[in-house]
């Protein structure tokens, strides 16, 4: 409903700009709870990879999604020209959505570093079937519908609940936060336009705040330790 109201608000403001309306009425969005999300814990992620091992292509796509957090549309449109294995990074500069190649969600490209294991994995995965990194035997693109069927099959083989590809993106972000990666860094890796969207993962690392304030008990560089108690004389 809020999505529909946002579109209506945009239309009314445009009508005001082109003077079809003297003044556009204000559209208020409904107050709604923040949507929850599902993710795989560390053991479940390993189980899913085990379940996908029957098919090298699905295994490769799941592994890469878990290590980069790219959306499915970005994953199936990734090209070898976007990957720099020597520098260990990739450019997410296009996506495939409803039969068309588009820019990534939000309209912005983003650069992502690749972990050493991910670089080595891509080197082993290198093929000559076409320009797409992940593709069918004939070099064609994996359609989303077929990929959704495949990941659910992998879940069943792994003995896990059925999930969608987007859960792998949530898993990537959740695992980073659980390992103490700052929320701002996670935002940049995911390509979120605002920090608010990334903050949904913050509750997964309560120890980060505890560790942060605990650092105040340490002596500042070049200073002696102060216990926090007043001196007996002249305190």
C-alpha atoms as a PDB file:
ATOM      1  CA  UNK A   1       0.000   0.000   0.000  1.00  0.00           C
ATOM      2  CA  UNK A   2       2.855   2.371   0.801  1.00  0.00           C
ATOM      3  CA  UNK A   3       4.426   1.618  -2.573  1.00  0.00           C
ATOM      4  CA  UNK A   4       1.154   2.587  -4.272  1.00  0.00           C
ATOM      5  CA  UNK A   5       0.864   5.737  -2.154  1.00  0.00           C
ATOM      6  CA  UNK A   6       4.432   6.725  -3.012  1.00  0.00           C
ATOM      7  CA  UNK A   7       3.657   6.441  -6.731  1.00  0.00           C
ATOM      8  CA  UNK A   8       0.496   8.496  -6.257  1.00  0.00           C
ATOM      9  CA  UNK A   9       2.458  11.175  -4.380  1.00  0.00           C
ATOM     10  CA  UNK A  10       5.032  11.346  -7.187  1.00  0.00           C
ATOM     11  CA  UNK A  11       2.280  11.716  -9.807  1.00  0.00           C
ATOM     12  CA  UNK A  12       0.609  14.512  -7.886  1.00  0.00           C
ATOM     13  CA  UNK A  13       3.880  16.413  -7.435  1.00  0.00           C
ATOM     14  CA  UNK A  14       4.572  16.080 -11.147  1.00  0.00           C
ATOM     15  CA  UNK A  15       1.075  17.354 -11.939  1.00  0.00           C
ATOM     16  CA  UNK A  16       1.851  20.382  -9.785  1.00  0.00           C
ATOM     17  CA  UNK A  17       5.170  20.945 -11.589  1.00  0.00           C
ATOM     18  CA  UNK A  18       3.527  21.010 -15.023  1.00  0.00           C
ATOM     19  CA  UNK A  19       0.673  23.167 -13.622  1.00  0.00           C
ATOM     20  CA  UNK A  20      -2.128  20.669 -14.010  1.00  0.00           C
ATOM     21  CA  UNK A  21      -2.728  21.185 -10.298  1.00  0.00           C
ATOM     22  CA  UNK A  22      -2.380  24.451  -8.437  1.00  0.00           C
ATOM     23  CA  UNK A  23      -1.167  22.626  -5.342  1.00  0.00           C
ATOM     24  CA  UNK A  24      -0.714  18.901  -4.899  1.00  0.00           C
ATOM     25  CA  UNK A  25      -2.280  17.397  -1.766  1.00  0.00           C
ATOM     26  CA  UNK A  26       0.128  15.771   0.649  1.00  0.00           C
ATOM     27  CA  UNK A  27       0.052  11.970   0.657  1.00  0.00           C
ATOM     28  CA  UNK A  28       0.916  10.406   3.987  1.00  0.00           C
ATOM     29  CA  UNK A  29       2.382   6.925   4.095  1.00  0.00           C
ATOM     30  CA  UNK A  30       0.945   4.363   6.492  1.00  0.00           C
ATOM     31  CA  UNK A  31       2.882   3.398   9.567  1.00  0.00           C
ATOM     32  CA  UNK A  32       3.977  -0.177   9.208  1.00  0.00           C
ATOM     33  CA  UNK A  33       6.345  -2.465  11.106  1.00  0.00           C
ATOM     34  CA  UNK A  34       9.750  -3.048   9.581  1.00  0.00           C
ATOM     35  CA  UNK A  35       9.699  -6.241   7.503  1.00  0.00           C
ATOM     36  CA  UNK A  36      11.584  -9.196   8.875  1.00  0.00           C
ATOM     37  CA  UNK A  37      14.050 -11.252   6.919  1.00  0.00           C
ATOM     38  CA  UNK A  38      15.369 -14.783   6.812  1.00  0.00           C
ATOM     39  CA  UNK A  39      19.007 -15.798   6.654  1.00  0.00           C
ATOM     40  CA  UNK A  40      21.098 -18.933   7.000  1.00  0.00           C
ATOM     41  CA  UNK A  41      23.379 -19.355   9.985  1.00  0.00           C
ATOM     42  CA  UNK A  42      26.958 -20.482   9.391  1.00  0.00           C
ATOM     43  CA  UNK A  43      26.174 -24.207   9.581  1.00  0.00           C
ATOM     44  CA  UNK A  44      23.098 -23.884   7.356  1.00  0.00           C
ATOM     45  CA  UNK A  45      25.114 -22.067   4.702  1.00  0.00           C
ATOM     46  CA  UNK A  46      27.566 -24.975   4.631  1.00  0.00           C
ATOM     47  CA  UNK A  47      24.658 -27.425   4.465  1.00  0.00           C
ATOM     48  CA  UNK A  48      23.183 -25.603   1.481  1.00  0.00           C
ATOM     49  CA  UNK A  49      26.489 -25.777  -0.378  1.00  0.00           C
ATOM     50  CA  UNK A  50      26.625 -29.511   0.348  1.00  0.00           C
ATOM     51  CA  UNK A  51      23.093 -29.866  -1.005  1.00  0.00           C
ATOM     52  CA  UNK A  52      24.050 -27.979  -4.176  1.00  0.00           C
ATOM     53  CA  UNK A  53      27.161 -30.057  -4.840  1.00  0.00           C
ATOM     54  CA  UNK A  54      25.222 -32.351  -7.214  1.00  0.00           C
ATOM     55  CA  UNK A  55      25.205 -29.529  -9.795  1.00  0.00           C
ATOM     56  CA  UNK A  56      28.460 -27.544 -10.316  1.00  0.00           C
ATOM     57  CA  UNK A  57      26.696 -24.526 -11.824  1.00  0.00           C
ATOM     58  CA  UNK A  58      24.154 -24.063  -9.034  1.00  0.00           C
ATOM     59  CA  UNK A  59      26.888 -24.673  -6.477  1.00  0.00           C
ATOM     60  CA  UNK A  60      29.011 -21.955  -8.082  1.00  0.00           C
ATOM     61  CA  UNK A  61      26.166 -19.443  -8.110  1.00  0.00           C
ATOM     62  CA  UNK A  62      25.180 -20.130  -4.503  1.00  0.00           C
ATOM     63  CA  UNK A  63      28.789 -19.934  -3.315  1.00  0.00           C
ATOM     64  CA  UNK A  64      29.317 -16.625  -5.119  1.00  0.00           C
ATOM     65  CA  UNK A  65      26.047 -15.152  -3.811  1.00  0.00           C
ATOM     66  CA  UNK A  66      26.980 -16.095  -0.242  1.00  0.00           C
ATOM     67  CA  UNK A  67      30.399 -14.447  -0.629  1.00  0.00           C
ATOM     68  CA  UNK A  68      29.295 -11.249  -2.388  1.00  0.00           C
ATOM     69  CA  UNK A  69      25.653 -10.587  -1.503  1.00  0.00           C
ATOM     70  CA  UNK A  70      24.743  -9.687  -5.081  1.00  0.00           C
ATOM     71  CA  UNK A  71      21.096  -9.807  -6.074  1.00  0.00           C
ATOM     72  CA  UNK A  72      19.999 -12.592  -8.414  1.00  0.00           C
ATOM     73  CA  UNK A  73      19.505 -10.172 -11.303  1.00  0.00           C
ATOM     74  CA  UNK A  74      23.072  -8.936 -10.813  1.00  0.00           C
ATOM     75  CA  UNK A  75      24.389 -12.467 -10.445  1.00  0.00           C
ATOM     76  CA  UNK A  76      22.940 -13.802 -13.690  1.00  0.00           C
ATOM     77  CA  UNK A  77      24.084 -10.716 -15.638  1.00  0.00           C
ATOM     78  CA  UNK A  78      27.659 -10.668 -14.278  1.00  0.00           C
ATOM     79  CA  UNK A  79      30.212 -10.787 -17.088  1.00  0.00           C
ATOM     80  CA  UNK A  80      33.873 -11.708 -17.095  1.00  0.00           C
ATOM     81  CA  UNK A  81      34.676  -8.149 -18.167  1.00  0.00           C
ATOM     82  CA  UNK A  82      33.256  -6.999 -14.805  1.00  0.00           C
ATOM     83  CA  UNK A  83      35.692  -9.177 -12.843  1.00  0.00           C
ATOM     84  CA  UNK A  84      39.332  -8.327 -12.134  1.00  0.00           C
ATOM     85  CA  UNK A  85      40.836 -11.489 -10.689  1.00  0.00           C
ATOM     86  CA  UNK A  86      44.303  -9.988 -10.422  1.00  0.00           C
ATOM     87  CA  UNK A  87      43.111  -7.068  -8.315  1.00  0.00           C
ATOM     88  CA  UNK A  88      40.491  -9.166  -6.524  1.00  0.00           C
ATOM     89  CA  UNK A  89      37.460  -7.028  -7.230  1.00  0.00           C
ATOM     90  CA  UNK A  90      34.355  -6.828  -9.384  1.00  0.00           C
ATOM     91  CA  UNK A  91      32.106  -4.102 -10.716  1.00  0.00           C
ATOM     92  CA  UNK A  92      28.368  -4.565 -10.280  1.00  0.00           C
ATOM     93  CA  UNK A  93      27.177  -2.449 -13.166  1.00  0.00           C
ATOM     94  CA  UNK A  94      24.116  -4.170 -14.621  1.00  0.00           C
ATOM     95  CA  UNK A  95      21.185  -6.367 -13.692  1.00  0.00           C
ATOM     96  CA  UNK A  96      18.627  -8.499 -15.511  1.00  0.00           C
ATOM     97  CA  UNK A  97      15.036  -7.708 -14.617  1.00  0.00           C
ATOM     98  CA  UNK A  98      11.830  -8.805 -16.345  1.00  0.00           C
ATOM     99  CA  UNK A  99      13.543  -9.643 -19.592  1.00  0.00           C
ATOM    100  CA  UNK A 100      15.678  -6.523 -19.820  1.00  0.00           C
ATOM    101  CA  UNK A 101      19.242  -5.612 -18.918  1.00  0.00           C
ATOM    102  CA  UNK A 102      19.116  -2.623 -16.583  1.00  0.00           C
ATOM    103  CA  UNK A 103      21.317  -0.783 -14.120  1.00  0.00           C
ATOM    104  CA  UNK A 104      21.519  -2.262 -10.590  1.00  0.00           C
ATOM    105  CA  UNK A 105      18.704  -1.451  -8.201  1.00  0.00           C
ATOM    106  CA  UNK A 106      19.046   2.165  -7.129  1.00  0.00           C
ATOM    107  CA  UNK A 107      20.587   3.086 -10.476  1.00  0.00           C
ATOM    108  CA  UNK A 108      24.163   3.044  -9.225  1.00  0.00           C
ATOM    109  CA  UNK A 109      27.147   0.888 -10.032  1.00  0.00           C
ATOM    110  CA  UNK A 110      29.291  -0.347  -7.163  1.00  0.00           C
ATOM    111  CA  UNK A 111      32.718  -1.860  -6.809  1.00  0.00           C
ATOM    112  CA  UNK A 112      33.192  -4.862  -4.559  1.00  0.00           C
ATOM    113  CA  UNK A 113      36.357  -6.500  -3.254  1.00  0.00           C
ATOM    114  CA  UNK A 114      36.576 -10.267  -3.517  1.00  0.00           C
ATOM    115  CA  UNK A 115      37.960 -12.487  -0.783  1.00  0.00           C
ATOM    116  CA  UNK A 116      41.031 -14.604  -1.681  1.00  0.00           C
ATOM    117  CA  UNK A 117      38.922 -17.781  -1.578  1.00  0.00           C
ATOM    118  CA  UNK A 118      36.375 -16.228  -3.938  1.00  0.00           C
ATOM    119  CA  UNK A 119      39.125 -15.217  -6.371  1.00  0.00           C
ATOM    120  CA  UNK A 120      40.548 -18.750  -6.379  1.00  0.00           C
ATOM    121  CA  UNK A 121      37.048 -20.156  -6.842  1.00  0.00           C
ATOM    122  CA  UNK A 122      36.442 -17.942  -9.894  1.00  0.00           C
ATOM    123  CA  UNK A 123      39.765 -18.982 -11.382  1.00  0.00           C
ATOM    124  CA  UNK A 124      38.674 -22.621 -11.181  1.00  0.00           C
ATOM    125  CA  UNK A 125      35.226 -21.728 -12.516  1.00  0.00           C
ATOM    126  CA  UNK A 126      36.618 -19.891 -15.572  1.00  0.00           C
ATOM    127  CA  UNK A 127      35.046 -21.147 -18.792  1.00  0.00           C
ATOM    128  CA  UNK A 128      34.791 -20.340 -22.490  1.00  0.00           C
ATOM    129  CA  UNK A 129      31.020 -20.800 -22.874  1.00  0.00           C
ATOM    130  CA  UNK A 130      30.384 -17.076 -23.243  1.00  0.00           C
ATOM    131  CA  UNK A 131      30.774 -13.678 -21.627  1.00  0.00           C
ATOM    132  CA  UNK A 132      28.458 -14.429 -18.697  1.00  0.00           C
ATOM    133  CA  UNK A 133      30.220 -15.704 -15.573  1.00  0.00           C
ATOM    134  CA  UNK A 134      27.287 -17.971 -14.669  1.00  0.00           C
ATOM    135  CA  UNK A 135      25.431 -19.444 -17.605  1.00  0.00           C
ATOM    136  CA  UNK A 136      23.943 -22.537 -19.186  1.00  0.00           C
ATOM    137  CA  UNK A 137      26.029 -24.932 -21.272  1.00  0.00           C
ATOM    138  CA  UNK A 138      25.176 -22.958 -24.406  1.00  0.00           C
ATOM    139  CA  UNK A 139      26.266 -19.675 -22.801  1.00  0.00           C
ATOM    140  CA  UNK A 140      22.694 -18.495 -22.260  1.00  0.00           C
ATOM    141  CA  UNK A 141      21.359 -16.838 -19.142  1.00  0.00           C
ATOM    142  CA  UNK A 142      19.721 -18.765 -16.315  1.00  0.00           C
ATOM    143  CA  UNK A 143      16.138 -17.509 -16.049  1.00  0.00           C
ATOM    144  CA  UNK A 144      14.947 -16.584 -12.575  1.00  0.00           C
ATOM    145  CA  UNK A 145      12.071 -19.066 -12.520  1.00  0.00           C
ATOM    146  CA  UNK A 146      14.360 -22.015 -13.210  1.00  0.00           C
ATOM    147  CA  UNK A 147      16.889 -20.767 -10.662  1.00  0.00           C
ATOM    148  CA  UNK A 148      14.202 -20.531  -7.966  1.00  0.00           C
ATOM    149  CA  UNK A 149      13.223 -24.153  -8.611  1.00  0.00           C
ATOM    150  CA  UNK A 150      16.890 -25.142  -8.447  1.00  0.00           C
ATOM    151  CA  UNK A 151      17.689 -23.452  -5.120  1.00  0.00           C
ATOM    152  CA  UNK A 152      14.639 -25.026  -3.509  1.00  0.00           C
ATOM    153  CA  UNK A 153      15.805 -28.414  -4.763  1.00  0.00           C
ATOM    154  CA  UNK A 154      19.218 -27.737  -3.217  1.00  0.00           C
ATOM    155  CA  UNK A 155      17.493 -26.892   0.069  1.00  0.00           C
ATOM    156  CA  UNK A 156      15.597 -30.167   0.050  1.00  0.00           C
ATOM    157  CA  UNK A 157      18.779 -32.112  -0.664  1.00  0.00           C
ATOM    158  CA  UNK A 158      20.443 -30.282   2.240  1.00  0.00           C
ATOM    159  CA  UNK A 159      17.536 -30.935   4.618  1.00  0.00           C
ATOM    160  CA  UNK A 160      16.848 -27.206   4.983  1.00  0.00           C
ATOM    161  CA  UNK A 161      13.704 -25.095   4.761  1.00  0.00           C
ATOM    162  CA  UNK A 162      13.074 -23.780   1.263  1.00  0.00           C
ATOM    163  CA  UNK A 163      14.493 -20.317   0.665  1.00  0.00           C
ATOM    164  CA  UNK A 164      14.769 -17.856  -2.216  1.00  0.00           C
ATOM    165  CA  UNK A 165      17.927 -16.441  -3.761  1.00  0.00           C
ATOM    166  CA  UNK A 166      17.424 -13.170  -1.887  1.00  0.00           C
ATOM    167  CA  UNK A 167      17.940 -15.002   1.401  1.00  0.00           C
ATOM    168  CA  UNK A 168      21.563 -15.504   0.296  1.00  0.00           C
ATOM    169  CA  UNK A 169      21.949 -11.707   0.185  1.00  0.00           C
ATOM    170  CA  UNK A 170      20.540 -11.448   3.716  1.00  0.00           C
ATOM    171  CA  UNK A 171      22.912 -14.225   4.748  1.00  0.00           C
ATOM    172  CA  UNK A 172      25.933 -12.391   3.341  1.00  0.00           C
ATOM    173  CA  UNK A 173      25.043  -9.230   5.276  1.00  0.00           C
ATOM    174  CA  UNK A 174      24.159 -11.111   8.470  1.00  0.00           C
ATOM    175  CA  UNK A 175      27.426 -13.061   8.494  1.00  0.00           C
ATOM    176  CA  UNK A 176      29.431  -9.848   8.047  1.00  0.00           C
ATOM    177  CA  UNK A 177      27.661  -8.153  10.945  1.00  0.00           C
ATOM    178  CA  UNK A 178      27.987 -11.244  13.144  1.00  0.00           C
ATOM    179  CA  UNK A 179      31.727 -11.153  12.476  1.00  0.00           C
ATOM    180  CA  UNK A 180      31.927  -7.536  13.661  1.00  0.00           C
ATOM    181  CA  UNK A 181      32.042  -5.715  10.317  1.00  0.00           C
ATOM    182  CA  UNK A 182      30.804  -2.098  10.754  1.00  0.00           C
ATOM    183  CA  UNK A 183      27.276  -1.408   9.518  1.00  0.00           C
ATOM    184  CA  UNK A 184      28.521   1.405   7.246  1.00  0.00           C
ATOM    185  CA  UNK A 185      30.838  -1.013   5.462  1.00  0.00           C
ATOM    186  CA  UNK A 186      28.010  -3.529   5.056  1.00  0.00           C
ATOM    187  CA  UNK A 187      25.858  -0.763   3.562  1.00  0.00           C
ATOM    188  CA  UNK A 188      28.499   0.030   0.960  1.00  0.00           C
ATOM    189  CA  UNK A 189      29.003  -3.628   0.051  1.00  0.00           C
ATOM    190  CA  UNK A 190      25.268  -4.171  -0.378  1.00  0.00           C
ATOM    191  CA  UNK A 191      24.830  -0.962  -2.348  1.00  0.00           C
ATOM    192  CA  UNK A 192      22.064   0.383  -0.092  1.00  0.00           C
ATOM    193  CA  UNK A 193      21.273   4.028  -0.784  1.00  0.00           C
ATOM    194  CA  UNK A 194      20.640   4.763   2.902  1.00  0.00           C
ATOM    195  CA  UNK A 195      21.920   3.331   6.171  1.00  0.00           C
ATOM    196  CA  UNK A 196      18.361   2.760   7.412  1.00  0.00           C
ATOM    197  CA  UNK A 197      17.907  -0.285   5.205  1.00  0.00           C
ATOM    198  CA  UNK A 198      21.148  -1.802   6.465  1.00  0.00           C
ATOM    199  CA  UNK A 199      20.299  -1.164  10.113  1.00  0.00           C
ATOM    200  CA  UNK A 200      17.934  -4.148  10.073  1.00  0.00           C
ATOM    201  CA  UNK A 201      21.048  -6.315  10.586  1.00  0.00           C
ATOM    202  CA  UNK A 202      22.429  -4.316  13.534  1.00  0.00           C
ATOM    203  CA  UNK A 203      20.752  -6.486  16.194  1.00  0.00           C
ATOM    204  CA  UNK A 204      22.931  -9.421  15.132  1.00  0.00           C
ATOM    205  CA  UNK A 205      26.041  -7.885  16.699  1.00  0.00           C
ATOM    206  CA  UNK A 206      25.148  -6.626  20.203  1.00  0.00           C
ATOM    207  CA  UNK A 207      28.684  -7.453  21.359  1.00  0.00           C
ATOM    208  CA  UNK A 208      30.093  -4.830  18.988  1.00  0.00           C
ATOM    209  CA  UNK A 209      28.587  -2.007  21.061  1.00  0.00           C
ATOM    210  CA  UNK A 210      29.805  -3.657  24.261  1.00  0.00           C
ATOM    211  CA  UNK A 211      33.342  -3.975  22.899  1.00  0.00           C
ATOM    212  CA  UNK A 212      33.217  -0.365  21.708  1.00  0.00           C
ATOM    213  CA  UNK A 213      32.467   1.166  25.104  1.00  0.00           C
ATOM    214  CA  UNK A 214      34.886  -1.254  26.795  1.00  0.00           C
ATOM    215  CA  UNK A 215      37.680   0.441  24.862  1.00  0.00           C
ATOM    216  CA  UNK A 216      37.097   3.581  26.960  1.00  0.00           C
ATOM    217  CA  UNK A 217      38.645   1.726  29.909  1.00  0.00           C
ATOM    218  CA  UNK A 218      41.927   1.459  28.057  1.00  0.00           C
ATOM    219  CA  UNK A 219      44.559   4.189  28.539  1.00  0.00           C
ATOM    220  CA  UNK A 220      44.724   6.729  25.768  1.00  0.00           C
ATOM    221  CA  UNK A 221      47.853   6.620  23.606  1.00  0.00           C
ATOM    222  CA  UNK A 222      50.748   8.171  25.540  1.00  0.00           C
ATOM    223  CA  UNK A 223      48.838   8.328  28.829  1.00  0.00           C
ATOM    224  CA  UNK A 224      48.981   6.248  31.966  1.00  0.00           C
ATOM    225  CA  UNK A 225      46.013   4.127  32.949  1.00  0.00           C
ATOM    226  CA  UNK A 226      43.361   5.893  35.068  1.00  0.00           C
ATOM    227  CA  UNK A 227      41.153   3.677  37.181  1.00  0.00           C
ATOM    228  CA  UNK A 228      38.231   6.099  37.260  1.00  0.00           C
ATOM    229  CA  UNK A 229      38.387   6.614  41.053  1.00  0.00           C
ATOM    230  CA  UNK A 230      39.188   9.939  42.667  1.00  0.00           C
ATOM    231  CA  UNK A 231      42.467  10.516  44.438  1.00  0.00           C
ATOM    232  CA  UNK A 232      42.318  10.587  48.206  1.00  0.00           C
ATOM    233  CA  UNK A 233      43.943  14.023  48.486  1.00  0.00           C
ATOM    234  CA  UNK A 234      42.541  16.923  46.538  1.00  0.00           C
ATOM    235  CA  UNK A 235      40.179  14.717  44.568  1.00  0.00           C
END
